[in-house]
Amino acid sequence: MKHENKTKILLTGGHGATVGIAVVEELQKRFGKSLDIYWMGSKKAREGSDTTTTEYKIYPDIGVKLYPIEAGKLQTKFTRYTIPSILKIPVGFIHALIGIFKIRPDVVLSLGGYASFPVVFWAWFFGIPVILHEQTVVAGRASMAASFFSRKIALARVESQKYFPKEKVVVTGNPVMSSILSVSPISNLHSPATILVMGGSRGSQFINEEIAKILPDLTKKYKIIHLTGESEYEKYQKYSNSNYKVVGFVDPREMFKYYQKADLIISRSGANTVSEIMATKKPAILIPLPRTYMNEQVKNAEFAKSFGVAKVILETEITPESFRKAIEEMLVRKITQKENPDLNATQKVVDLLVKYV
């Protein structure tokens, strides 16, 4: 689609807020003011929630123009939101069509997730190049469906190749923000040692509850920084003390400060979280979210374990005693200084985008 002189790049999807920030940083470094960057995706973090997505909160501050759409999805578990979500699927296609006509991008970068698919479809329909980036060790349903409509498929992990057409695939690694890459590995533990507890950008109710069971014991010996997620912040804020700090939401651009303070990380194992932990080379206890598509989080966690930074504990295996034991074990673990597979990933993904502009 022809338009004025400025290059227009459209990001879409809901699986890569931090990946998107890393890509935007690199694009702005290369293009300066001759570039307009847009994001098209869902405003709400999940169906039935009032919490807005990280993209919606952060992107305007870094110069990305928002175009929210109401996109529906097929849910893996039947809830009262299942039917309303299905009914939104055609609405998402209408919104995406209007958005493509308004923005008229030169190229689209899809970061996966249900909200990305209608955007990818219409971009393909109008001949706009689509670059798909898959962050996981496996592949998301939306990504596999969108692969047909994509010119190139950038993979974070070589293990994902079997899910996509060979002729389209290039392994780039997973873009990580430059601030995270600057975090220095541990030489000596802080005094007292600091444990960073998190569950992804929205927190984890399960991890929150399991930490609460052993919190009195932990705070006798360690400092705890607990990223609860916004929905559970007030529940845990009342327990705050000098050794226990509760945080509801962290701007991804500030996350490096938390990683720098941490001697140990306890977390879910989303693909982007795993990439950041590997980049910082901090010891971690990963508790995969169960019932993910193709057991995605377990496989992400096993990838981090093979890299040498993580111990993996399934939800069914956790008891207060085993949790305490794992924490003590990992705090003294020496991390092997392996080469980070995501070191130049941002540049490689942006190189692909530039090729199709």
Protein backbone atom coordinates (compact mmCIF):
# COMPACT_ATOMS: atom_id res chain seq x y z
CA MET A 1 0.00 0.00 0.00
CA LYS A 2 1.49 3.36 -1.06
CA HIS A 3 1.37 6.35 1.26
CA GLU A 4 3.43 9.32 2.47
CA ASN A 5 7.21 9.15 2.92
CA LYS A 6 7.28 7.81 6.49
CA THR A 7 7.85 4.07 6.93
CA LYS A 8 5.00 2.42 8.84
CA ILE A 9 5.52 -0.77 10.83
CA LEU A 10 2.62 -2.48 12.58
CA LEU A 11 3.13 -4.77 15.58
CA THR A 12 0.33 -7.10 16.58
CA GLY A 13 -0.42 -9.81 19.11
CA GLY A 14 -0.50 -10.27 22.85
CA HIS A 15 2.39 -12.62 23.60
CA GLY A 16 5.30 -10.27 23.32
CA ALA A 17 5.11 -6.99 25.21
CA THR A 18 8.76 -7.16 26.22
CA VAL A 19 9.77 -8.54 22.81
CA GLY A 20 7.88 -5.65 21.23
CA ILE A 21 9.69 -3.09 23.39
CA ALA A 22 13.07 -4.57 22.40
CA VAL A 23 12.12 -4.42 18.70
CA VAL A 24 10.79 -0.86 19.00
CA GLU A 25 14.05 0.26 20.67
CA GLU A 26 16.08 -1.12 17.77
CA LEU A 27 13.73 0.24 15.08
CA GLN A 28 13.83 3.74 16.54
CA LYS A 29 17.62 3.57 16.77
CA ARG A 30 17.85 2.73 13.06
CA PHE A 31 15.04 4.84 11.58
CA GLY A 32 14.76 7.80 13.95
CA LYS A 33 11.90 10.16 13.07
CA SER A 34 11.37 8.68 9.61
CA LEU A 35 9.36 5.82 11.15
CA ASP A 36 5.85 5.43 12.57
CA ILE A 37 5.24 2.33 14.72
CA TYR A 38 1.75 1.06 15.49
CA TRP A 39 0.37 -1.71 17.67
CA MET A 40 -2.93 -3.46 17.06
CA GLY A 41 -4.31 -5.87 19.67
CA SER A 42 -6.62 -6.35 22.61
CA LYS A 43 -6.91 -3.67 25.28
CA LYS A 44 -7.94 -6.14 28.01
CA ALA A 45 -5.45 -8.62 29.50
CA ARG A 46 -8.02 -11.41 29.57
CA GLU A 47 -11.71 -12.01 28.87
CA GLY A 48 -13.85 -10.62 31.69
CA SER A 49 -10.98 -8.67 33.26
CA ASP A 50 -10.69 -4.91 33.73
CA THR A 51 -6.88 -5.12 33.71
CA THR A 52 -5.37 -3.58 30.61
CA THR A 53 -2.58 -5.26 28.66
CA THR A 54 1.04 -4.33 29.23
CA GLU A 55 1.23 -3.17 25.62
CA TYR A 56 -1.64 -0.73 26.15
CA LYS A 57 0.04 0.69 29.27
CA ILE A 58 3.57 1.01 27.94
CA TYR A 59 3.60 1.49 24.18
CA PRO A 60 2.31 5.11 24.11
CA ASP A 61 5.23 6.13 26.36
CA ILE A 62 7.77 4.79 23.87
CA GLY A 63 6.22 6.41 20.81
CA VAL A 64 4.02 3.55 19.58
CA LYS A 65 0.53 4.47 18.35
CA LEU A 66 -2.26 2.24 19.65
CA TYR A 67 -5.10 0.70 17.67
CA PRO A 68 -7.07 -1.55 20.05
CA ILE A 69 -9.43 -4.19 18.64
CA GLU A 70 -12.06 -6.46 20.20
CA ALA A 71 -10.75 -9.90 19.27
CA GLY A 72 -12.33 -13.19 20.36
CA LYS A 73 -10.76 -16.61 20.84
CA LEU A 74 -11.55 -20.29 21.27
CA GLN A 75 -10.94 -21.00 24.95
CA THR A 76 -9.44 -24.28 26.13
CA LYS A 77 -11.68 -24.33 29.23
CA PHE A 78 -15.42 -23.59 29.19
CA THR A 79 -16.35 -20.59 31.36
CA ARG A 80 -19.07 -17.97 31.35
CA TYR A 81 -16.85 -15.96 29.01
CA THR A 82 -16.46 -18.71 26.40
CA ILE A 83 -19.52 -17.90 24.25
CA PRO A 84 -19.07 -14.09 24.38
CA SER A 85 -15.46 -14.59 23.34
CA ILE A 86 -16.44 -16.76 20.36
CA LEU A 87 -18.99 -14.15 19.28
CA LYS A 88 -16.21 -11.54 19.23
CA ILE A 89 -14.21 -13.43 16.59
CA PRO A 90 -15.99 -11.83 13.58
CA VAL A 91 -15.89 -8.47 15.37
CA GLY A 92 -12.10 -8.79 15.59
CA PHE A 93 -11.90 -9.35 11.82
CA ILE A 94 -13.99 -6.24 11.14
CA HIS A 95 -11.90 -4.11 13.50
CA ALA A 96 -8.65 -5.42 12.01
CA LEU A 97 -9.84 -4.69 8.46
CA ILE A 98 -10.67 -1.09 9.39
CA GLY A 99 -7.32 -0.76 11.20
CA ILE A 100 -5.31 -2.02 8.23
CA PHE A 101 -7.03 0.52 5.97
CA LYS A 102 -6.41 3.37 8.42
CA ILE A 103 -2.77 2.54 9.16
CA ARG A 104 -1.68 1.18 5.73
CA PRO A 105 1.54 -0.39 7.09
CA ASP A 106 4.58 -1.31 5.01
CA VAL A 107 5.18 -4.48 7.02
CA VAL A 108 3.53 -6.32 9.93
CA LEU A 109 5.33 -8.07 12.80
CA SER A 110 3.11 -10.62 14.55
CA LEU A 111 4.11 -11.71 18.05
CA GLY A 112 1.44 -14.40 18.32
CA GLY A 113 -1.75 -14.66 20.33
CA TYR A 114 -5.39 -14.76 19.24
CA ALA A 115 -5.63 -10.99 18.63
CA SER A 116 -2.94 -11.17 15.98
CA PHE A 117 -4.66 -13.56 13.59
CA PRO A 118 -7.25 -11.24 11.99
CA VAL A 119 -4.53 -8.60 11.53
CA VAL A 120 -2.23 -11.11 9.85
CA PHE A 121 -5.04 -12.33 7.58
CA TRP A 122 -5.98 -8.88 6.27
CA ALA A 123 -2.34 -7.85 5.84
CA TRP A 124 -1.82 -10.96 3.67
CA PHE A 125 -5.05 -10.30 1.78
CA PHE A 126 -3.83 -6.83 0.77
CA GLY A 127 -0.31 -7.97 -0.07
CA ILE A 128 1.41 -6.46 2.99
CA PRO A 129 4.42 -8.56 4.09
CA VAL A 130 3.98 -10.33 7.44
CA ILE A 131 6.87 -11.45 9.63
CA LEU A 132 5.81 -13.88 12.35
CA HIS A 133 7.86 -14.31 15.52
CA GLU A 134 7.33 -17.38 17.70
CA GLN A 135 8.82 -17.07 21.19
CA THR A 136 8.23 -20.55 22.60
CA VAL A 137 10.01 -23.89 22.37
CA VAL A 138 6.86 -25.24 20.70
CA ALA A 139 4.28 -23.15 18.79
CA GLY A 140 1.07 -21.32 19.58
CA ARG A 141 -2.17 -22.12 17.76
CA ALA A 142 -2.48 -18.59 16.40
CA SER A 143 1.11 -18.70 15.15
CA MET A 144 0.63 -22.01 13.36
CA ALA A 145 -2.55 -20.74 11.73
CA ALA A 146 -0.85 -17.46 10.76
CA SER A 147 2.20 -19.21 9.27
CA PHE A 148 0.35 -19.72 5.97
CA PHE A 149 -0.08 -15.95 5.62
CA SER A 150 3.49 -15.01 6.65
CA ARG A 151 6.46 -14.27 4.37
CA LYS A 152 9.01 -15.25 7.02
CA ILE A 153 8.78 -17.00 10.40
CA ALA A 154 11.39 -15.99 12.96
CA LEU A 155 11.84 -18.58 15.69
CA ALA A 156 13.29 -18.10 19.14
CA ARG A 157 14.21 -21.77 19.42
CA VAL A 158 15.37 -24.31 16.85
CA GLU A 159 13.02 -26.86 18.48
CA SER A 160 10.03 -25.00 16.98
CA GLN A 161 11.06 -25.64 13.36
CA LYS A 162 8.98 -28.80 13.01
CA TYR A 163 5.73 -26.83 13.41
CA PHE A 164 6.27 -24.48 10.47
CA PRO A 165 7.03 -24.59 6.71
CA LYS A 166 10.80 -25.10 6.37
CA GLU A 167 11.21 -22.65 3.51
CA LYS A 168 9.89 -19.76 5.61
CA VAL A 169 11.79 -20.41 8.83
CA VAL A 170 14.80 -18.55 10.22
CA VAL A 171 16.04 -19.01 13.81
CA THR A 172 16.75 -15.59 15.35
CA GLY A 173 16.49 -16.11 19.09
CA ASN A 174 14.12 -14.15 21.30
CA PRO A 175 14.49 -10.33 21.41
CA VAL A 176 15.37 -9.16 24.92
CA MET A 177 15.43 -5.53 26.05
CA SER A 178 18.90 -3.98 26.20
CA SER A 179 18.36 -3.06 29.86
CA ILE A 180 17.89 -6.75 30.75
CA LEU A 181 20.99 -7.74 28.77
CA SER A 182 22.97 -5.25 30.87
CA VAL A 183 22.17 -7.01 34.17
CA SER A 184 25.35 -8.47 35.65
CA PRO A 185 25.48 -12.09 36.87
CA ILE A 186 25.81 -12.86 40.58
CA SER A 187 29.30 -12.89 42.07
CA ASN A 188 28.30 -12.89 45.75
CA LEU A 189 24.89 -13.14 47.39
CA HIS A 190 23.38 -10.00 48.87
CA SER A 191 23.21 -9.86 52.64
CA PRO A 192 20.54 -10.98 53.28
CA ALA A 193 19.93 -12.89 50.03
CA THR A 194 17.08 -11.47 47.93
CA ILE A 195 14.38 -13.64 46.34
CA LEU A 196 12.32 -12.23 43.48
CA VAL A 197 8.90 -13.93 43.24
CA MET A 198 6.79 -13.34 40.12
CA GLY A 199 4.28 -15.03 37.86
CA GLY A 200 4.56 -13.22 34.56
CA SER A 201 3.17 -9.75 33.85
CA ARG A 202 -0.18 -10.52 35.55
CA GLY A 203 1.13 -12.52 38.49
CA SER A 204 0.27 -16.08 39.52
CA GLN A 205 -2.35 -16.87 42.14
CA PHE A 206 -0.87 -20.34 42.67
CA ILE A 207 2.68 -19.09 43.28
CA ASN A 208 1.35 -16.32 45.51
CA GLU A 209 -0.46 -18.84 47.69
CA GLU A 210 2.50 -21.23 47.91
CA ILE A 211 4.87 -18.42 48.88
CA ALA A 212 2.40 -17.23 51.52
CA LYS A 213 2.56 -20.66 53.21
CA ILE A 214 6.32 -20.34 53.85
CA LEU A 215 6.59 -16.55 54.04
CA PRO A 216 7.19 -16.34 57.84
CA ASP A 217 10.15 -18.74 57.50
CA LEU A 218 11.55 -16.99 54.43
CA THR A 219 11.48 -13.47 55.87
CA LYS A 220 13.53 -14.60 58.87
CA LYS A 221 16.49 -15.26 56.55
CA TYR A 222 15.86 -13.50 53.22
CA LYS A 223 14.49 -10.38 51.60
CA ILE A 224 11.46 -11.11 49.40
CA ILE A 225 10.32 -8.94 46.49
CA HIS A 226 6.90 -10.25 45.51
CA LEU A 227 5.36 -9.23 42.16
CA THR A 228 1.81 -10.33 42.89
CA GLY A 229 0.01 -8.94 39.85
CA GLU A 230 -2.45 -6.07 40.12
CA SER A 231 -5.47 -8.22 41.01
CA GLU A 232 -3.80 -9.66 44.13
CA TYR A 233 -1.75 -6.66 45.26
CA GLU A 234 -4.04 -5.54 48.10
CA LYS A 235 -4.34 -9.08 49.45
CA TYR A 236 -0.60 -9.28 50.13
CA GLN A 237 0.26 -5.62 50.69
CA LYS A 238 -0.96 -5.84 54.28
CA TYR A 239 1.89 -8.27 55.12
CA SER A 240 4.63 -5.86 53.96
CA ASN A 241 7.59 -5.35 56.25
CA SER A 242 11.30 -4.56 56.03
CA ASN A 243 12.03 -7.99 54.49
CA TYR A 244 8.90 -8.33 52.37
CA LYS A 245 8.10 -5.88 49.58
CA VAL A 246 4.90 -6.28 47.54
CA VAL A 247 4.60 -4.86 44.00
CA GLY A 248 1.45 -5.05 41.86
CA PHE A 249 2.77 -4.09 38.45
CA VAL A 250 6.23 -3.34 37.07
CA ASP A 251 6.84 -1.32 33.92
CA PRO A 252 8.89 -3.74 31.76
CA ARG A 253 11.43 -0.96 31.22
CA GLU A 254 12.10 -0.99 34.99
CA MET A 255 12.30 -4.77 35.31
CA PHE A 256 16.09 -4.83 35.01
CA LYS A 257 16.33 -3.18 38.45
CA TYR A 258 14.47 -6.10 40.02
CA TYR A 259 16.59 -8.68 38.24
CA GLN A 260 19.73 -6.87 39.38
CA LYS A 261 18.64 -7.07 43.03
CA ALA A 262 17.70 -10.76 42.85
CA ASP A 263 19.86 -13.64 44.03
CA LEU A 264 17.10 -16.12 43.14
CA ILE A 265 14.02 -15.91 40.94
CA ILE A 266 10.80 -17.88 41.47
CA SER A 267 8.48 -17.69 38.49
CA ARG A 268 6.19 -19.22 35.92
CA SER A 269 7.94 -20.18 32.68
CA GLY A 270 6.50 -18.06 29.91
CA ALA A 271 8.85 -17.88 26.94
CA ASN A 272 9.84 -14.25 27.45
CA THR A 273 10.40 -14.65 31.19
CA VAL A 274 12.64 -17.65 30.50
CA SER A 275 14.63 -15.62 27.96
CA GLU A 276 15.14 -12.82 30.49
CA ILE A 277 16.25 -15.23 33.23
CA MET A 278 18.72 -16.86 30.83
CA ALA A 279 20.02 -13.43 29.82
CA THR A 280 20.62 -12.39 33.44
CA LYS A 281 22.06 -15.83 34.34
CA LYS A 282 20.27 -15.75 37.69
CA PRO A 283 19.37 -19.06 39.38
CA ALA A 284 15.64 -19.73 39.16
CA ILE A 285 12.91 -22.03 40.37
CA LEU A 286 10.38 -22.37 37.55
CA ILE A 287 6.83 -23.56 38.25
CA PRO A 288 5.19 -24.05 34.83
CA LEU A 289 1.59 -23.08 34.30
CA PRO A 290 -0.24 -26.38 33.73
CA ARG A 291 -2.68 -27.04 30.88
CA THR A 292 -0.89 -24.80 28.38
CA TYR A 293 -1.11 -25.65 24.69
CA MET A 294 1.35 -28.45 23.83
CA ASN A 295 2.64 -28.25 27.41
CA GLU A 296 4.40 -25.06 26.37
CA GLN A 297 5.46 -23.80 29.78
CA VAL A 298 6.91 -27.13 30.89
CA LYS A 299 9.02 -27.26 27.72
CA ASN A 300 10.14 -23.64 28.17
CA ALA A 301 11.17 -24.49 31.75
CA GLU A 302 13.06 -27.60 30.63
CA PHE A 303 14.91 -25.44 28.09
CA ALA A 304 16.04 -23.12 30.90
CA LYS A 305 17.05 -26.15 32.96
CA SER A 306 19.19 -27.47 30.10
CA PHE A 307 20.83 -24.03 29.90
CA GLY A 308 21.86 -24.47 33.53
CA VAL A 309 19.93 -21.71 35.30
CA ALA A 310 16.76 -23.39 36.54
CA LYS A 311 15.20 -26.04 38.72
CA VAL A 312 11.75 -27.10 37.50
CA ILE A 313 8.98 -27.98 39.95
CA LEU A 314 5.50 -28.96 38.80
CA GLU A 315 2.48 -27.68 40.72
CA THR A 316 1.61 -31.23 41.79
CA GLU A 317 5.06 -31.66 43.36
CA ILE A 318 5.09 -28.60 45.60
CA THR A 319 4.82 -28.86 49.36
CA PRO A 320 6.03 -26.24 51.86
CA GLU A 321 8.95 -28.51 52.74
CA SER A 322 10.01 -29.20 49.13
CA PHE A 323 9.64 -25.51 48.27
CA ARG A 324 11.92 -24.42 51.13
CA LYS A 325 14.46 -27.09 50.21
CA ALA A 326 14.53 -26.00 46.56
CA ILE A 327 15.07 -22.36 47.58
CA GLU A 328 18.03 -23.27 49.80
CA GLU A 329 19.50 -25.49 47.07
CA MET A 330 19.22 -22.89 44.30
CA LEU A 331 20.59 -20.00 46.37
CA VAL A 332 23.97 -21.73 46.48
CA ARG A 333 23.87 -22.96 42.85
CA LYS A 334 26.74 -21.70 40.72
CA ILE A 335 25.52 -20.80 37.23
CA THR A 336 27.64 -21.90 34.27
CA GLN A 337 28.45 -18.94 32.05
CA LYS A 338 27.01 -20.23 28.78
CA GLU A 339 26.57 -18.04 25.72
CA ASN A 340 23.15 -16.40 25.66
CA PRO A 341 21.21 -17.69 22.59
CA ASP A 342 19.19 -14.44 22.49
CA LEU A 343 22.13 -12.02 22.51
CA ASN A 344 21.65 -10.60 18.98
CA ALA A 345 18.03 -11.67 18.47
CA THR A 346 16.60 -8.14 18.39
CA GLN A 347 18.93 -7.09 15.58
CA LYS A 348 18.15 -10.23 13.59
CA VAL A 349 14.37 -9.71 13.82
CA VAL A 350 14.69 -6.06 12.84
CA ASP A 351 16.96 -7.04 9.92
CA LEU A 352 14.08 -9.20 8.65
CA LEU A 353 11.60 -6.35 8.98
CA VAL A 354 13.89 -3.92 7.17
CA LYS A 355 14.30 -6.41 4.33
CA TYR A 356 10.57 -6.26 3.60
CA VAL A 357 10.02 -2.52 4.06
